[in-house]
Amino acid sequence: MNIAKKYFKKQLADDEFRHSYLEERIKLDIEYQLEELKKAVRTRKKVEELIKKIDSIEQYVMSA
């Protein structure tokens, strides 16, 4: 295991760091999914595909 992985693993042991890390990761995941949805809207994807993307985002948010 390299130094960065060891340091990161050590940091994850800290509750405050782990909470902040997971919170930011969730935010970035949601931002990415929303950008994908915007692209789909701009390219006029089928309504069913848009609804599927929205449902996916909704499920992710509810599970987070």
Protein backbone atom coordinates (compact mmCIF):
# COMPACT_ATOMS: atom_id res chain seq x y z
CA MET A 1 0.00 0.00 0.00
CA ASN A 2 1.43 3.37 -0.92
CA ILE A 3 1.79 6.35 1.41
CA ALA A 4 -1.29 8.19 0.12
CA LYS A 5 -3.53 5.16 0.63
CA LYS A 6 -2.18 4.66 4.17
CA TYR A 7 -2.76 8.34 5.00
CA PHE A 8 -6.27 8.27 3.55
CA LYS A 9 -7.13 5.10 5.48
CA LYS A 10 -5.83 6.72 8.67
CA GLN A 11 -7.92 9.84 8.01
CA LEU A 12 -11.06 7.75 7.48
CA ALA A 13 -10.69 6.49 11.03
CA ASP A 14 -11.57 10.01 12.22
CA ASP A 15 -15.37 10.35 12.42
CA GLU A 16 -15.41 14.04 11.49
CA PHE A 17 -13.21 13.49 8.43
CA ARG A 18 -15.21 10.45 7.32
CA HIS A 19 -18.49 12.36 7.64
CA SER A 20 -17.15 15.34 5.67
CA TYR A 21 -15.62 13.10 3.01
CA LEU A 22 -18.82 11.13 2.49
CA GLU A 23 -20.90 14.31 2.41
CA GLU A 24 -18.72 15.84 -0.31
CA ARG A 25 -18.67 12.60 -2.26
CA ILE A 26 -22.48 12.49 -2.24
CA LYS A 27 -22.67 16.12 -3.36
CA LEU A 28 -20.32 15.44 -6.26
CA ASP A 29 -22.23 12.31 -7.27
CA ILE A 30 -25.51 14.23 -7.31
CA GLU A 31 -23.96 17.13 -9.26
CA TYR A 32 -22.66 14.66 -11.85
CA GLN A 33 -26.05 12.97 -12.18
CA LEU A 34 -27.76 16.35 -12.57
CA GLU A 35 -25.31 17.36 -15.30
CA GLU A 36 -26.09 14.11 -17.11
CA LEU A 37 -29.79 14.90 -16.81
CA LYS A 38 -29.24 18.40 -18.23
CA LYS A 39 -27.38 16.92 -21.19
CA ALA A 40 -30.23 14.50 -21.79
CA VAL A 41 -32.75 17.35 -21.72
CA ARG A 42 -30.64 19.48 -24.08
CA THR A 43 -30.34 16.64 -26.57
CA ARG A 44 -34.10 16.04 -26.34
CA LYS A 45 -33.96 12.48 -25.13
CA LYS A 46 -37.20 10.54 -24.84
CA VAL A 47 -39.42 11.35 -21.88
CA GLU A 48 -39.10 7.80 -20.58
CA GLU A 49 -35.31 8.12 -20.51
CA LEU A 50 -35.51 11.45 -18.66
CA ILE A 51 -37.90 10.00 -16.10
CA LYS A 52 -35.56 7.05 -15.62
CA LYS A 53 -32.67 9.45 -14.91
CA ILE A 54 -34.81 11.45 -12.48
CA ASP A 55 -35.88 8.25 -10.70
CA SER A 56 -32.24 7.21 -10.43
CA ILE A 57 -31.30 10.54 -8.82
CA GLU A 58 -34.27 10.29 -6.47
CA GLN A 59 -33.29 6.78 -5.38
CA TYR A 60 -29.71 7.90 -4.79
CA VAL A 61 -30.82 10.85 -2.65
CA MET A 62 -33.20 8.70 -0.62
CA SER A 63 -30.47 6.13 0.06
CA ALA A 64 -27.87 8.72 1.09
